[in-house]
Amino acid sequence: MPNTDDKIQESLGNFTPYEQGKGEEYMSDEMLEHFRQLLMEWKQQLMEEVDRTMHHMQEEAANYADPSDRATQEEEFSLELRTRDRERKLIRKIDQTIDRIDKDDYGFCDQCGIEIGIRRLEARPTATLCIDCKTLSEIRERQTGI
């Protein structure tokens, strides 16, 4: 089963990784625009998937006489709705990330303030923690169950 990063990369599709110019400042205007475009394309793909799901559910909604057929259809719809709910939350997170770009507060760790890094942000454009802080957060989470 693919992990979350694989799903993100798959949904982002093929993009050209950002190549930082020699002497280019971290989170320059060009770099910020690269991530803004990446996020906008990702959001558009997610919204198109929501539309497809709505149309699919409207077209496939049938009142089956057989309880087993009805139950199967309801289970399929339930799974699709859970997936769309996760995507809806992700769209909200993408919007928050775009807002951070607009406020010039993107690309730096919320906990320690260091650069998150271009490759990490391309793998997970909504990341707010550097890899070290994220690792510590996950360890704490496993230990405390919070």
Protein backbone atom coordinates (compact mmCIF):
# COMPACT_ATOMS: atom_id res chain seq x y z
CA MET A 1 0.00 0.00 0.00
CA PRO A 2 1.49 3.40 -0.97
CA ASN A 3 2.36 5.78 1.84
CA THR A 4 1.08 9.37 2.10
CA ASP A 5 4.16 10.86 0.40
CA ASP A 6 3.66 8.50 -2.56
CA LYS A 7 0.02 9.59 -2.82
CA ILE A 8 1.03 13.25 -2.70
CA GLN A 9 3.66 12.76 -5.41
CA GLU A 10 1.15 10.84 -7.52
CA SER A 11 -1.49 13.56 -7.16
CA LEU A 12 1.04 16.30 -7.92
CA GLY A 13 1.82 14.55 -11.18
CA ASN A 14 4.93 15.28 -13.12
CA PHE A 15 6.50 18.62 -12.36
CA THR A 16 9.90 20.05 -12.94
CA PRO A 17 11.85 20.17 -9.67
CA TYR A 18 13.04 23.64 -8.78
CA GLU A 19 16.71 24.26 -9.49
CA GLN A 20 18.05 26.91 -7.18
CA GLY A 21 20.37 29.29 -9.00
CA LYS A 22 23.89 29.84 -7.75
CA GLY A 23 23.71 32.51 -5.07
CA GLU A 24 19.90 32.54 -5.18
CA GLU A 25 18.34 33.37 -1.83
CA TYR A 26 16.19 30.68 -0.20
CA MET A 27 12.50 31.41 -0.84
CA SER A 28 13.18 33.97 -3.52
CA ASP A 29 10.24 35.32 -5.52
CA GLU A 30 10.85 32.70 -8.24
CA MET A 31 10.99 29.89 -5.70
CA LEU A 32 7.80 31.07 -3.99
CA GLU A 33 6.06 31.25 -7.37
CA HIS A 34 7.19 27.67 -8.11
CA PHE A 35 5.53 26.45 -4.91
CA ARG A 36 2.42 28.60 -5.43
CA GLN A 37 1.96 27.02 -8.89
CA LEU A 38 2.56 23.53 -7.48
CA LEU A 39 -0.06 24.10 -4.78
CA MET A 40 -2.59 25.66 -7.18
CA GLU A 41 -2.27 22.73 -9.60
CA TRP A 42 -2.65 20.24 -6.74
CA LYS A 43 -5.73 22.05 -5.46
CA GLN A 44 -7.24 22.08 -8.97
CA GLN A 45 -6.70 18.32 -9.32
CA LEU A 46 -8.36 17.68 -5.95
CA MET A 47 -11.33 19.88 -6.83
CA GLU A 48 -11.78 18.10 -10.16
CA GLU A 49 -11.79 14.79 -8.29
CA VAL A 50 -14.52 16.11 -5.97
CA ASP A 51 -16.60 17.07 -9.01
CA ARG A 52 -16.08 13.64 -10.58
CA THR A 53 -17.20 11.97 -7.36
CA MET A 54 -20.33 14.07 -7.14
CA HIS A 55 -21.27 13.27 -10.73
CA HIS A 56 -20.48 9.59 -10.22
CA MET A 57 -22.62 9.37 -7.10
CA GLN A 58 -25.52 11.18 -8.78
CA GLU A 59 -25.35 8.93 -11.86
CA GLU A 60 -24.90 5.72 -9.90
CA ALA A 61 -27.47 6.42 -7.20
CA ALA A 62 -29.98 3.64 -7.72
CA ASN A 63 -32.58 2.24 -5.43
CA TYR A 64 -31.71 -1.43 -5.60
CA ALA A 65 -34.39 -3.84 -4.51
CA ASP A 66 -31.84 -6.36 -3.31
CA PRO A 67 -30.54 -5.42 0.18
CA SER A 68 -27.07 -6.79 -0.63
CA ASP A 69 -26.76 -4.61 -3.73
CA ARG A 70 -27.96 -1.58 -1.76
CA ALA A 71 -25.49 -2.28 1.04
CA THR A 72 -22.62 -2.66 -1.43
CA GLN A 73 -23.48 0.65 -3.09
CA GLU A 74 -23.80 2.42 0.27
CA GLU A 75 -20.40 1.06 1.36
CA GLU A 76 -18.80 2.27 -1.87
CA PHE A 77 -20.36 5.71 -1.44
CA SER A 78 -19.25 5.83 2.19
CA LEU A 79 -15.66 5.07 1.22
CA GLU A 80 -15.73 7.74 -1.50
CA LEU A 81 -17.15 10.30 0.91
CA ARG A 82 -14.45 9.59 3.50
CA THR A 83 -11.81 10.03 0.83
CA ARG A 84 -13.38 13.30 -0.34
CA ASP A 85 -13.55 14.51 3.28
CA ARG A 86 -9.79 13.95 3.64
CA GLU A 87 -9.27 15.77 0.36
CA ARG A 88 -11.50 18.64 1.53
CA LYS A 89 -9.28 19.01 4.61
CA LEU A 90 -6.22 18.89 2.36
CA ILE A 91 -7.67 21.66 0.15
CA ARG A 92 -8.09 23.77 3.28
CA LYS A 93 -4.46 23.07 4.22
CA ILE A 94 -3.35 23.99 0.68
CA ASP A 95 -5.26 27.29 0.99
CA GLN A 96 -3.53 27.99 4.31
CA THR A 97 -0.16 27.23 2.72
CA ILE A 98 -0.86 29.59 -0.19
CA ASP A 99 -1.78 32.22 2.40
CA ARG A 100 1.61 31.64 4.08
CA ILE A 101 3.32 32.19 0.73
CA ASP A 102 1.36 35.44 0.30
CA LYS A 103 2.46 36.56 3.78
CA ASP A 104 6.09 35.64 3.01
CA ASP A 105 6.04 33.07 5.81
CA TYR A 106 6.66 29.91 3.78
CA GLY A 107 9.53 27.46 3.80
CA PHE A 108 10.70 27.87 7.38
CA CYS A 109 10.07 25.51 10.29
CA ASP A 110 7.33 26.63 12.67
CA GLN A 111 9.23 25.23 15.66
CA CYS A 112 12.90 26.02 15.14
CA GLY A 113 12.81 28.55 12.29
CA ILE A 114 15.37 26.89 10.01
CA GLU A 115 14.82 26.26 6.31
CA ILE A 116 12.57 23.29 5.64
CA GLY A 117 14.33 22.63 2.35
CA ILE A 118 13.28 22.68 -1.27
CA ARG A 119 13.18 18.89 -1.79
CA ARG A 120 11.11 18.31 1.37
CA LEU A 121 8.68 21.01 0.28
CA GLU A 122 8.40 19.49 -3.17
CA ALA A 123 7.65 16.11 -1.59
CA ARG A 124 5.16 17.67 0.87
CA PRO A 125 4.35 21.25 -0.18
CA THR A 126 2.20 21.86 2.91
CA ALA A 127 4.99 20.96 5.36
CA THR A 128 5.40 23.37 8.26
CA LEU A 129 8.18 21.55 10.11
CA CYS A 130 11.73 20.69 9.12
CA ILE A 131 12.54 16.99 8.99
CA ASP A 132 14.22 17.02 12.43
CA CYS A 133 11.29 18.70 14.20
CA LYS A 134 8.80 16.47 12.38
CA THR A 135 10.73 13.38 13.43
CA LEU A 136 10.78 14.52 17.06
CA SER A 137 7.07 15.32 16.89
CA GLU A 138 6.29 11.83 15.59
CA ILE A 139 8.41 10.22 18.31
CA ARG A 140 6.60 12.26 20.98
CA GLU A 141 3.27 11.35 19.43
CA ARG A 142 4.07 7.63 19.54
CA GLN A 143 5.29 7.85 23.14
CA THR A 144 2.36 9.85 24.46
CA GLY A 145 -0.37 8.68 22.11
CA ILE A 146 -1.43 12.29 21.51
